[in-house]
Amino acid sequence: MNDLNKFNKDRCKKNRKFIKFFSGMVIVSFSFFFVLSAYQKKTLSDLEENIKENEEYINKLNLDIESLKYDYSMRNTDEFKEKIARSRLNMIKDDEYLYEDENRE
C-alpha cells in the first residue's frame, strides 16, 4: 500500500509538471501568434497604402499618356505647330507684343 501511495504522489507531481509546462507553452504560443498577427496587420496596411499610392500614380500616368496621344494625333495641325512655337521657341506673331513681369521669378 505504501508503494502505491508513493507511486500516486509521484504521478501527481509529474502530472502537475506536465500541466504547468503545457500551460506555459500554450501561453507562449498565443503570445507569439498575437504578436505575429499584429505584425501582419501592420504589413497589410502598409501594402494597401502602397497599392493606393501606386494606383494614383498609374492614373496620373494614364492621363499623361492620353494627353500625349492627343498631341500626337494633332501634330500636323496649325494650332499644334503654333502652340509648340509659342511654348518652346518663345515665338510671337508680328502684331503681338511680349510683356515680361519683373516681379515674376
PDB file of N, CA and C in Angstrom:
ATOM      1  N   MET A   1       0.809  -1.193   0.000  1.00  0.00           N
ATOM      2  CA  MET A   1       0.000   0.000   0.000  1.00  0.00           C
ATOM      3  C   MET A   1       0.849   1.252   0.000  1.00  0.00           C
ATOM      4  N   ASN A   2       1.953   1.198   0.714  1.00  0.00           N
ATOM      5  CA  ASN A   2       2.859   2.329   0.800  1.00  0.00           C
ATOM      6  C   ASN A   2       3.458   2.641  -0.570  1.00  0.00           C
ATOM      7  N   ASP A   3       3.809   1.598  -1.317  1.00  0.00           N
ATOM      8  CA  ASP A   3       4.366   1.792  -2.656  1.00  0.00           C
ATOM      9  C   ASP A   3       3.333   2.414  -3.593  1.00  0.00           C
ATOM     10  N   LEU A   4       2.086   2.019  -3.439  1.00  0.00           N
ATOM     11  CA  LEU A   4       1.025   2.563  -4.272  1.00  0.00           C
ATOM     12  C   LEU A   4       0.816   4.046  -3.977  1.00  0.00           C
ATOM     13  N   ASN A   5       0.842   4.437  -2.719  1.00  0.00           N
ATOM     14  CA  ASN A   5       0.707   5.848  -2.355  1.00  0.00           C
ATOM     15  C   ASN A   5       1.877   6.666  -2.906  1.00  0.00           C
ATOM     16  N   LYS A   6       3.082   6.127  -2.792  1.00  0.00           N
ATOM     17  CA  LYS A   6       4.260   6.823  -3.308  1.00  0.00           C
ATOM     18  C   LYS A   6       4.166   6.974  -4.825  1.00  0.00           C
ATOM     19  N   PHE A   7       3.732   5.919  -5.498  1.00  0.00           N
ATOM     20  CA  PHE A   7       3.569   5.971  -6.942  1.00  0.00           C
ATOM     21  C   PHE A   7       2.545   7.032  -7.333  1.00  0.00           C
ATOM     22  N   ASN A   8       1.434   7.082  -6.607  1.00  0.00           N
ATOM     23  CA  ASN A   8       0.390   8.067  -6.896  1.00  0.00           C
ATOM     24  C   ASN A   8       0.890   9.494  -6.675  1.00  0.00           C
ATOM     25  N   LYS A   9       1.669   9.718  -5.599  1.00  0.00           N
ATOM     26  CA  LYS A   9       2.214  11.052  -5.328  1.00  0.00           C
ATOM     27  C   LYS A   9       3.187  11.466  -6.429  1.00  0.00           C
ATOM     28  N   ASP A  10       4.041  10.521  -6.838  1.00  0.00           N
ATOM     29  CA  ASP A  10       4.993  10.822  -7.905  1.00  0.00           C
ATOM     30  C   ASP A  10       4.262  11.115  -9.219  1.00  0.00           C
ATOM     31  N   ARG A  11       3.254  10.327  -9.487  1.00  0.00           N
ATOM     32  CA  ARG A  11       2.480  10.515 -10.715  1.00  0.00           C
ATOM     33  C   ARG A  11       1.777  11.875 -10.682  1.00  0.00           C
ATOM     34  N   CYS A  12       1.249  12.233  -9.525  1.00  0.00           N
ATOM     35  CA  CYS A  12       0.574  13.520  -9.353  1.00  0.00           C
ATOM     36  C   CYS A  12       1.552  14.671  -9.590  1.00  0.00           C
ATOM     37  N   LYS A  13       2.769  14.560  -9.061  1.00  0.00           N
ATOM     38  CA  LYS A  13       3.786  15.588  -9.261  1.00  0.00           C
ATOM     39  C   LYS A  13       4.148  15.707 -10.743  1.00  0.00           C
ATOM     40  N   LYS A  14       4.317  14.565 -11.396  1.00  0.00           N
ATOM     41  CA  LYS A  14       4.645  14.576 -12.824  1.00  0.00           C
ATOM     42  C   LYS A  14       3.507  15.185 -13.640  1.00  0.00           C
ATOM     43  N   ASN A  15       2.292  14.858 -13.270  1.00  0.00           N
ATOM     44  CA  ASN A  15       1.139  15.435 -13.977  1.00  0.00           C
ATOM     45  C   ASN A  15       1.093  16.949 -13.801  1.00  0.00           C
ATOM     46  N   ARG A  16       1.367  17.438 -12.604  1.00  0.00           N
ATOM     47  CA  ARG A  16       1.374  18.887 -12.358  1.00  0.00           C
ATOM     48  C   ARG A  16       2.464  19.561 -13.179  1.00  0.00           C
ATOM     49  N   LYS A  17       3.653  18.930 -13.223  1.00  0.00           N
ATOM     50  CA  LYS A  17       4.740  19.490 -14.025  1.00  0.00           C
ATOM     51  C   LYS A  17       4.342  19.558 -15.500  1.00  0.00           C
ATOM     52  N   PHE A  18       3.719  18.468 -15.968  1.00  0.00           N
ATOM     53  CA  PHE A  18       3.293  18.440 -17.365  1.00  0.00           C
ATOM     54  C   PHE A  18       2.249  19.524 -17.631  1.00  0.00           C
ATOM     55  N   ILE A  19       1.278  19.662 -16.718  1.00  0.00           N
ATOM     56  CA  ILE A  19       0.228  20.672 -16.888  1.00  0.00           C
ATOM     57  C   ILE A  19       0.830  22.072 -16.866  1.00  0.00           C
ATOM     58  N   LYS A  20       1.782  22.326 -15.966  1.00  0.00           N
ATOM     59  CA  LYS A  20       2.447  23.629 -15.925  1.00  0.00           C
ATOM     60  C   LYS A  20       3.213  23.890 -17.222  1.00  0.00           C
ATOM     61  N   PHE A  21       3.953  22.877 -17.678  1.00  0.00           N
ATOM     62  CA  PHE A  21       4.723  23.028 -18.913  1.00  0.00           C
ATOM     63  C   PHE A  21       3.791  23.265 -20.104  1.00  0.00           C
ATOM     64  N   PHE A  22       2.738  22.455 -20.186  1.00  0.00           N
ATOM     65  CA  PHE A  22       1.791  22.592 -21.291  1.00  0.00           C
ATOM     66  C   PHE A  22       1.096  23.946 -21.249  1.00  0.00           C
ATOM     67  N   SER A  23       0.692  24.398 -20.067  1.00  0.00           N
ATOM     68  CA  SER A  23       0.053  25.709 -19.930  1.00  0.00           C
ATOM     69  C   SER A  23       1.015  26.824 -20.343  1.00  0.00           C
ATOM     70  N   GLY A  24       2.264  26.705 -19.945  1.00  0.00           N
ATOM     71  CA  GLY A  24       3.268  27.691 -20.344  1.00  0.00           C
ATOM     72  C   GLY A  24       3.447  27.730 -21.849  1.00  0.00           C
ATOM     73  N   MET A  25       3.479  26.561 -22.465  1.00  0.00           N
ATOM     74  CA  MET A  25       3.627  26.509 -23.918  1.00  0.00           C
ATOM     75  C   MET A  25       2.419  27.112 -24.620  1.00  0.00           C
ATOM     76  N   VAL A  26       1.229  26.879 -24.091  1.00  0.00           N
ATOM     77  CA  VAL A  26       0.025  27.460 -24.682  1.00  0.00           C
ATOM     78  C   VAL A  26       0.073  28.986 -24.577  1.00  0.00           C
ATOM     79  N   ILE A  27       0.478  29.498 -23.435  1.00  0.00           N
ATOM     80  CA  ILE A  27       0.568  30.950 -23.245  1.00  0.00           C
ATOM     81  C   ILE A  27       1.605  31.546 -24.191  1.00  0.00           C
ATOM     82  N   VAL A  28       2.762  30.899 -24.308  1.00  0.00           N
ATOM     83  CA  VAL A  28       3.808  31.389 -25.221  1.00  0.00           C
ATOM     84  C   VAL A  28       3.318  31.344 -26.663  1.00  0.00           C
ATOM     85  N   SER A  29       2.618  30.266 -27.022  1.00  0.00           N
ATOM     86  CA  SER A  29       2.101  30.143 -28.393  1.00  0.00           C
ATOM     87  C   SER A  29       1.087  31.236 -28.696  1.00  0.00           C
ATOM     88  N   PHE A  30       0.143  31.487 -27.785  1.00  0.00           N
ATOM     89  CA  PHE A  30      -0.842  32.542 -28.001  1.00  0.00           C
ATOM     90  C   PHE A  30      -0.171  33.911 -28.092  1.00  0.00           C
ATOM     91  N   SER A  31       0.815  34.132 -27.254  1.00  0.00           N
ATOM     92  CA  SER A  31       1.543  35.406 -27.315  1.00  0.00           C
ATOM     93  C   SER A  31       2.243  35.564 -28.653  1.00  0.00           C
ATOM     94  N   PHE A  32       2.898  34.503 -29.104  1.00  0.00           N
ATOM     95  CA  PHE A  32       3.586  34.543 -30.386  1.00  0.00           C
ATOM     96  C   PHE A  32       2.612  34.841 -31.521  1.00  0.00           C
ATOM     97  N   PHE A  33       1.478  34.147 -31.532  1.00  0.00           N
ATOM     98  CA  PHE A  33       0.504  34.370 -32.600  1.00  0.00           C
ATOM     99  C   PHE A  33      -0.126  35.749 -32.509  1.00  0.00           C
ATOM    100  N   PHE A  34      -0.292  36.285 -31.324  1.00  0.00           N
ATOM    101  CA  PHE A  34      -0.816  37.638 -31.170  1.00  0.00           C
ATOM    102  C   PHE A  34       0.160  38.657 -31.754  1.00  0.00           C
ATOM    103  N   VAL A  35       1.435  38.522 -31.436  1.00  0.00           N
ATOM    104  CA  VAL A  35       2.456  39.437 -31.969  1.00  0.00           C
ATOM    105  C   VAL A  35       2.559  39.280 -33.481  1.00  0.00           C
ATOM    106  N   LEU A  36       2.550  38.046 -33.958  1.00  0.00           N
ATOM    107  CA  LEU A  36       2.619  37.795 -35.396  1.00  0.00           C
ATOM    108  C   LEU A  36       1.412  38.396 -36.114  1.00  0.00           C
ATOM    109  N   SER A  37       0.245  38.272 -35.532  1.00  0.00           N
ATOM    110  CA  SER A  37      -0.967  38.835 -36.127  1.00  0.00           C
ATOM    111  C   SER A  37      -0.878  40.360 -36.201  1.00  0.00           C
ATOM    112  N   ALA A  38      -0.398  40.997 -35.150  1.00  0.00           N
ATOM    113  CA  ALA A  38      -0.254  42.457 -35.160  1.00  0.00           C
ATOM    114  C   ALA A  38       0.745  42.888 -36.230  1.00  0.00           C
ATOM    115  N   TYR A  39       1.842  42.151 -36.363  1.00  0.00           N
ATOM    116  CA  TYR A  39       2.845  42.472 -37.385  1.00  0.00           C
ATOM    117  C   TYR A  39       2.256  42.320 -38.786  1.00  0.00           C
ATOM    118  N   GLN A  40       1.482  41.260 -39.001  1.00  0.00           N
ATOM    119  CA  GLN A  40       0.876  41.041 -40.308  1.00  0.00           C
ATOM    120  C   GLN A  40      -0.155  42.115 -40.629  1.00  0.00           C
ATOM    121  N   LYS A  41      -0.909  42.572 -39.633  1.00  0.00           N
ATOM    122  CA  LYS A  41      -1.881  43.647 -39.863  1.00  0.00           C
ATOM    123  C   LYS A  41      -1.172  44.934 -40.265  1.00  0.00           C
ATOM    124  N   LYS A  42      -0.050  45.232 -39.607  1.00  0.00           N
ATOM    125  CA  LYS A  42       0.714  46.433 -39.947  1.00  0.00           C
ATOM    126  C   LYS A  42       1.283  46.323 -41.357  1.00  0.00           C
ATOM    127  N   THR A  43       1.824  45.157 -41.684  1.00  0.00           N
ATOM    128  CA  THR A  43       2.369  44.942 -43.015  1.00  0.00           C
ATOM    129  C   THR A  43       1.281  45.045 -44.073  1.00  0.00           C
ATOM    130  N   LEU A  44       0.114  44.494 -43.792  1.00  0.00           N
ATOM    131  CA  LEU A  44      -1.004  44.564 -44.727  1.00  0.00           C
ATOM    132  C   LEU A  44      -1.446  46.000 -44.947  1.00  0.00           C
ATOM    133  N   SER A  45      -1.536  46.780 -43.880  1.00  0.00           N
ATOM    134  CA  SER A  45      -1.944  48.182 -44.047  1.00  0.00           C
ATOM    135  C   SER A  45      -0.897  48.963 -44.832  1.00  0.00           C
ATOM    136  N   ASP A  46       0.391  48.675 -44.609  1.00  0.00           N
ATOM    137  CA  ASP A  46       1.447  49.327 -45.392  1.00  0.00           C
ATOM    138  C   ASP A  46       1.335  48.968 -46.868  1.00  0.00           C
ATOM    139  N   LEU A  47       1.064  47.700 -47.151  1.00  0.00           N
ATOM    140  CA  LEU A  47       0.934  47.272 -48.537  1.00  0.00           C
ATOM    141  C   LEU A  47      -0.298  47.899 -49.201  1.00  0.00           C
ATOM    142  N   GLU A  48      -1.399  47.991 -48.461  1.00  0.00           N
ATOM    143  CA  GLU A  48      -2.597  48.627 -49.020  1.00  0.00           C
ATOM    144  C   GLU A  48      -2.352  50.101 -49.319  1.00  0.00           C
ATOM    145  N   GLU A  49      -1.611  50.771 -48.434  1.00  0.00           N
ATOM    146  CA  GLU A  49      -1.269  52.173 -48.672  1.00  0.00           C
ATOM    147  C   GLU A  49      -0.371  52.300 -49.899  1.00  0.00           C
ATOM    148  N   ASN A  50       0.565  51.379 -50.039  1.00  0.00           N
ATOM    149  CA  ASN A  50       1.454  51.381 -51.198  1.00  0.00           C
ATOM    150  C   ASN A  50       0.665  51.144 -52.481  1.00  0.00           C
ATOM    151  N   ILE A  51      -0.287  50.234 -52.438  1.00  0.00           N
ATOM    152  CA  ILE A  51      -1.135  49.971 -53.602  1.00  0.00           C
ATOM    153  C   ILE A  51      -1.933  51.212 -53.968  1.00  0.00           C
ATOM    154  N   LYS A  52      -2.467  51.897 -52.979  1.00  0.00           N
ATOM    155  CA  LYS A  52      -3.251  53.106 -53.231  1.00  0.00           C
ATOM    156  C   LYS A  52      -2.383  54.183 -53.889  1.00  0.00           C
ATOM    157  N   GLU A  53      -1.160  54.374 -53.383  1.00  0.00           N
ATOM    158  CA  GLU A  53      -0.246  55.355 -53.972  1.00  0.00           C
ATOM    159  C   GLU A  53       0.099  54.981 -55.409  1.00  0.00           C
ATOM    160  N   ASN A  54       0.338  53.696 -55.644  1.00  0.00           N
ATOM    161  CA  ASN A  54       0.675  53.251 -56.994  1.00  0.00           C
ATOM    162  C   ASN A  54      -0.499  53.405 -57.951  1.00  0.00           C
ATOM    163  N   GLU A  55      -1.707  53.171 -57.475  1.00  0.00           N
ATOM    164  CA  GLU A  55      -2.883  53.367 -58.324  1.00  0.00           C
ATOM    165  C   GLU A  55      -3.037  54.833 -58.703  1.00  0.00           C
ATOM    166  N   GLU A  56      -2.788  55.741 -57.753  1.00  0.00           N
ATOM    167  CA  GLU A  56      -2.841  57.166 -58.067  1.00  0.00           C
ATOM    168  C   GLU A  56      -1.775  57.529 -59.095  1.00  0.00           C
ATOM    169  N   TYR A  57      -0.588  56.967 -58.940  1.00  0.00           N
ATOM    170  CA  TYR A  57       0.498  57.222 -59.882  1.00  0.00           C
ATOM    171  C   TYR A  57       0.141  56.684 -61.268  1.00  0.00           C
ATOM    172  N   ILE A  58      -0.468  55.511 -61.317  1.00  0.00           N
ATOM    173  CA  ILE A  58      -0.881  54.917 -62.589  1.00  0.00           C
ATOM    174  C   ILE A  58      -1.937  55.794 -63.252  1.00  0.00           C
ATOM    175  N   ASN A  59      -2.890  56.294 -62.474  1.00  0.00           N
ATOM    176  CA  ASN A  59      -3.915  57.170 -63.041  1.00  0.00           C
ATOM    177  C   ASN A  59      -3.296  58.439 -63.615  1.00  0.00           C
ATOM    178  N   LYS A  60      -2.312  59.002 -62.913  1.00  0.00           N
ATOM    179  CA  LYS A  60      -1.622  60.195 -63.407  1.00  0.00           C
ATOM    180  C   LYS A  60      -0.901  59.882 -64.710  1.00  0.00           C
ATOM    181  N   LEU A  61      -0.228  58.737 -64.761  1.00  0.00           N
ATOM    182  CA  LEU A  61       0.467  58.351 -65.985  1.00  0.00           C
ATOM    183  C   LEU A  61      -0.503  58.111 -67.131  1.00  0.00           C
ATOM    184  N   ASN A  62      -1.657  57.540 -66.830  1.00  0.00           N
ATOM    185  CA  ASN A  62      -2.664  57.329 -67.878  1.00  0.00           C
ATOM    186  C   ASN A  62      -3.154  58.658 -68.434  1.00  0.00           C
ATOM    187  N   LEU A  63      -3.329  59.652 -67.563  1.00  0.00           N
ATOM    188  CA  LEU A  63      -3.723  60.977 -68.048  1.00  0.00           C
ATOM    189  C   LEU A  63      -2.632  61.580 -68.927  1.00  0.00           C
ATOM    190  N   ASP A  64      -1.384  61.408 -68.519  1.00  0.00           N
ATOM    191  CA  ASP A  64      -0.267  61.899 -69.340  1.00  0.00           C
ATOM    192  C   ASP A  64      -0.227  61.193 -70.690  1.00  0.00           C
ATOM    193  N   ILE A  65      -0.478  59.903 -70.684  1.00  0.00           N
ATOM    194  CA  ILE A  65      -0.484  59.141 -71.935  1.00  0.00           C
ATOM    195  C   ILE A  65      -1.581  59.646 -72.857  1.00  0.00           C
ATOM    196  N   GLU A  66      -2.766  59.871 -72.295  1.00  0.00           N
ATOM    197  CA  GLU A  66      -3.878  60.373 -73.113  1.00  0.00           C
ATOM    198  C   GLU A  66      -3.546  61.748 -73.695  1.00  0.00           C
ATOM    199  N   SER A  67      -2.912  62.591 -72.887  1.00  0.00           N
ATOM    200  CA  SER A  67      -2.522  63.915 -73.368  1.00  0.00           C
ATOM    201  C   SER A  67      -1.504  63.796 -74.501  1.00  0.00           C
ATOM    202  N   LEU A  68      -0.545  62.909 -74.333  1.00  0.00           N
ATOM    203  CA  LEU A  68       0.459  62.717 -75.381  1.00  0.00           C
ATOM    204  C   LEU A  68      -0.141  62.109 -76.646  1.00  0.00           C
ATOM    205  N   LYS A  69      -1.088  61.198 -76.469  1.00  0.00           N
ATOM    206  CA  LYS A  69      -1.770  60.637 -77.647  1.00  0.00           C
ATOM    207  C   LYS A  69      -2.528  61.729 -78.402  1.00  0.00           C
ATOM    208  N   TYR A  70      -3.172  62.617 -77.651  1.00  0.00           N
ATOM    209  CA  TYR A  70      -3.894  63.715 -78.291  1.00  0.00           C
ATOM    210  C   TYR A  70      -2.913  64.627 -79.023  1.00  0.00           C
ATOM    211  N   ASP A  71      -1.810  64.966 -78.359  1.00  0.00           N
ATOM    212  CA  ASP A  71      -0.805  65.812 -79.012  1.00  0.00           C
ATOM    213  C   ASP A  71      -0.242  65.121 -80.258  1.00  0.00           C
ATOM    214  N   TYR A  72      -0.039  63.831 -80.171  1.00  0.00           N
ATOM    215  CA  TYR A  72       0.491  63.101 -81.325  1.00  0.00           C
ATOM    216  C   TYR A  72      -0.503  63.117 -82.479  1.00  0.00           C
ATOM    217  N   SER A  73      -1.776  62.959 -82.166  1.00  0.00           N
ATOM    218  CA  SER A  73      -2.788  62.958 -83.235  1.00  0.00           C
ATOM    219  C   SER A  73      -2.959  64.353 -83.846  1.00  0.00           C
ATOM    220  N   MET A  74      -2.629  65.390 -83.075  1.00  0.00           N
ATOM    221  CA  MET A  74      -2.793  66.763 -83.552  1.00  0.00           C
ATOM    222  C   MET A  74      -1.484  67.364 -84.080  1.00  0.00           C
ATOM    223  N   ARG A  75      -0.453  66.567 -84.236  1.00  0.00           N
ATOM    224  CA  ARG A  75       0.880  67.083 -84.537  1.00  0.00           C
ATOM    225  C   ARG A  75       0.986  67.802 -85.876  1.00  0.00           C
ATOM    226  N   ASN A  76       0.120  67.528 -86.829  1.00  0.00           N
ATOM    227  CA  ASN A  76       0.216  68.155 -88.141  1.00  0.00           C
ATOM    228  C   ASN A  76      -0.736  69.327 -88.323  1.00  0.00           C
ATOM    229  N   THR A  77      -1.425  69.719 -87.263  1.00  0.00           N
ATOM    230  CA  THR A  77      -2.342  70.852 -87.387  1.00  0.00           C
ATOM    231  C   THR A  77      -1.605  72.156 -87.118  1.00  0.00           C
ATOM    232  N   ASP A  78      -2.150  73.231 -87.656  1.00  0.00           N
ATOM    233  CA  ASP A  78      -1.536  74.545 -87.470  1.00  0.00           C
ATOM    234  C   ASP A  78      -1.603  74.995 -86.011  1.00  0.00           C
ATOM    235  N   GLU A  79      -2.674  74.661 -85.307  1.00  0.00           N
ATOM    236  CA  GLU A  79      -2.798  75.056 -83.904  1.00  0.00           C
ATOM    237  C   GLU A  79      -1.696  74.429 -83.050  1.00  0.00           C
ATOM    238  N   PHE A  80      -1.414  73.168 -83.323  1.00  0.00           N
ATOM    239  CA  PHE A  80      -0.372  72.490 -82.558  1.00  0.00           C
ATOM    240  C   PHE A  80       1.001  73.078 -82.860  1.00  0.00           C
ATOM    241  N   LYS A  81       1.264  73.337 -84.132  1.00  0.00           N
ATOM    242  CA  LYS A  81       2.549  73.938 -84.504  1.00  0.00           C
ATOM    243  C   LYS A  81       2.711  75.305 -83.860  1.00  0.00           C
ATOM    244  N   GLU A  82       1.615  76.080 -83.802  1.00  0.00           N
ATOM    245  CA  GLU A  82       1.673  77.390 -83.159  1.00  0.00           C
ATOM    246  C   GLU A  82       1.918  77.242 -81.655  1.00  0.00           C
ATOM    247  N   LYS A  83       1.268  76.276 -81.051  1.00  0.00           N
ATOM    248  CA  LYS A  83       1.447  76.036 -79.613  1.00  0.00           C
ATOM    249  C   LYS A  83       2.905  75.694 -79.304  1.00  0.00           C
ATOM    250  N   ILE A  84       3.500  74.835 -80.092  1.00  0.00           N
ATOM    251  CA  ILE A  84       4.900  74.453 -79.892  1.00  0.00           C
ATOM    252  C   ILE A  84       5.817  75.654 -80.116  1.00  0.00           C
ATOM    253  N   ALA A  85       5.552  76.421 -81.161  1.00  0.00           N
ATOM    254  CA  ALA A  85       6.391  77.586 -81.447  1.00  0.00           C
ATOM    255  C   ALA A  85       6.319  78.592 -80.308  1.00  0.00           C
ATOM    256  N   ARG A  86       5.145  78.789 -79.741  1.00  0.00           N
ATOM    257  CA  ARG A  86       4.999  79.753 -78.647  1.00  0.00           C
ATOM    258  C   ARG A  86       5.642  79.244 -77.356  1.00  0.00           C
ATOM    259  N   SER A  87       5.420  77.980 -77.028  1.00  0.00           N
ATOM    260  CA  SER A  87       5.890  77.479 -75.726  1.00  0.00           C
ATOM    261  C   SER A  87       7.377  77.138 -75.726  1.00  0.00           C
ATOM    262  N   ARG A  88       7.852  76.478 -76.752  1.00  0.00           N
ATOM    263  CA  ARG A  88       9.241  76.019 -76.728  1.00  0.00           C
ATOM    264  C   ARG A  88      10.220  77.008 -77.361  1.00  0.00           C
ATOM    265  N   LEU A  89       9.754  77.701 -78.381  1.00  0.00           N
ATOM    266  CA  LEU A  89      10.663  78.596 -79.101  1.00  0.00           C
ATOM    267  C   LEU A  89      10.451  80.066 -78.750  1.00  0.00           C
ATOM    268  N   ASN A  90       9.456  80.349 -77.912  1.00  0.00           N
ATOM    269  CA  ASN A  90       9.136  81.712 -77.488  1.00  0.00           C
ATOM    270  C   ASN A  90       8.888  82.647 -78.674  1.00  0.00           C
ATOM    271  N   MET A  91       8.222  82.145 -79.677  1.00  0.00           N
ATOM    272  CA  MET A  91       7.911  82.952 -80.850  1.00  0.00           C
ATOM    273  C   MET A  91       6.580  83.662 -80.648  1.00  0.00           C
ATOM    274  N   ILE A  92       6.433  84.814 -81.280  1.00  0.00           N
ATOM    275  CA  ILE A  92       5.182  85.575 -81.234  1.00  0.00           C
ATOM    276  C   ILE A  92       4.826  86.012 -82.647  1.00  0.00           C
ATOM    277  N   LYS A  93       3.585  86.415 -82.817  1.00  0.00           N
ATOM    278  CA  LYS A  93       3.134  86.900 -84.125  1.00  0.00           C
ATOM    279  C   LYS A  93       3.629  88.323 -84.319  1.00  0.00           C
ATOM    280  N   ASP A  94       3.537  88.811 -85.567  1.00  0.00           N
ATOM    281  CA  ASP A  94       4.029  90.147 -85.901  1.00  0.00           C
ATOM    282  C   ASP A  94       3.260  91.244 -85.171  1.00  0.00           C
ATOM    283  N   ASP A  95       1.979  91.076 -84.999  1.00  0.00           N
ATOM    284  CA  ASP A  95       1.176  92.130 -84.379  1.00  0.00           C
ATOM    285  C   ASP A  95       1.019  91.956 -82.868  1.00  0.00           C
ATOM    286  N   GLU A  96       1.799  91.094 -82.246  1.00  0.00           N
ATOM    287  CA  GLU A  96       1.725  90.878 -80.808  1.00  0.00           C
ATOM    288  C   GLU A  96       2.932  91.492 -80.119  1.00  0.00           C
ATOM    289  N   TYR A  97       2.733  91.821 -78.840  1.00  0.00           N
ATOM    290  CA  TYR A  97       3.824  92.350 -78.025  1.00  0.00           C
ATOM    291  C   TYR A  97       4.025  91.424 -76.835  1.00  0.00           C
ATOM    292  N   LEU A  98       5.254  91.269 -76.464  1.00  0.00           N
ATOM    293  CA  LEU A  98       5.590  90.402 -75.351  1.00  0.00           C
ATOM    294  C   LEU A  98       5.944  91.256 -74.144  1.00  0.00           C
ATOM    295  N   TYR A  99       5.220  91.084 -73.070  1.00  0.00           N
ATOM    296  CA  TYR A  99       5.490  91.802 -71.831  1.00  0.00           C
ATOM    297  C   TYR A  99       6.031  90.819 -70.813  1.00  0.00           C
ATOM    298  N   GLU A 100       7.082  91.238 -70.137  1.00  0.00           N
ATOM    299  CA  GLU A 100       7.646  90.399 -69.096  1.00  0.00           C
ATOM    300  C   GLU A 100       7.433  91.085 -67.770  1.00  0.00           C
ATOM    301  N   ASP A 101       6.978  90.338 -66.805  1.00  0.00           N
ATOM    302  CA  ASP A 101       6.743  90.857 -65.461  1.00  0.00           C
ATOM    303  C   ASP A 101       8.042  90.798 -64.676  1.00  0.00           C
ATOM    304  N   GLU A 102       8.467  91.936 -64.174  1.00  0.00           N
ATOM    305  CA  GLU A 102       9.734  91.988 -63.445  1.00  0.00           C
ATOM    306  C   GLU A 102       9.640  91.307 -62.074  1.00  0.00           C
ATOM    307  N   ASN A 103       8.445  91.276 -61.512  1.00  0.00           N
ATOM    308  CA  ASN A 103       8.252  90.646 -60.196  1.00  0.00           C
ATOM    309  C   ASN A 103       8.158  89.125 -60.280  1.00  0.00           C
ATOM    310  N   ARG A 104       7.968  88.638 -61.455  1.00  0.00           N
ATOM    311  CA  ARG A 104       7.851  87.203 -61.648  1.00  0.00           C
ATOM    312  C   ARG A 104       9.211  86.551 -61.530  1.00  0.00           C
ATOM    313  N   GLU A 105       9.244  85.444 -60.832  1.00  0.00           N
ATOM    314  CA  GLU A 105      10.540  84.761 -60.613  1.00  0.00           C
ATOM    315  C   GLU A 105      10.901  83.887 -61.771  1.00  0.00           C
TER     316      GLU A 105
END
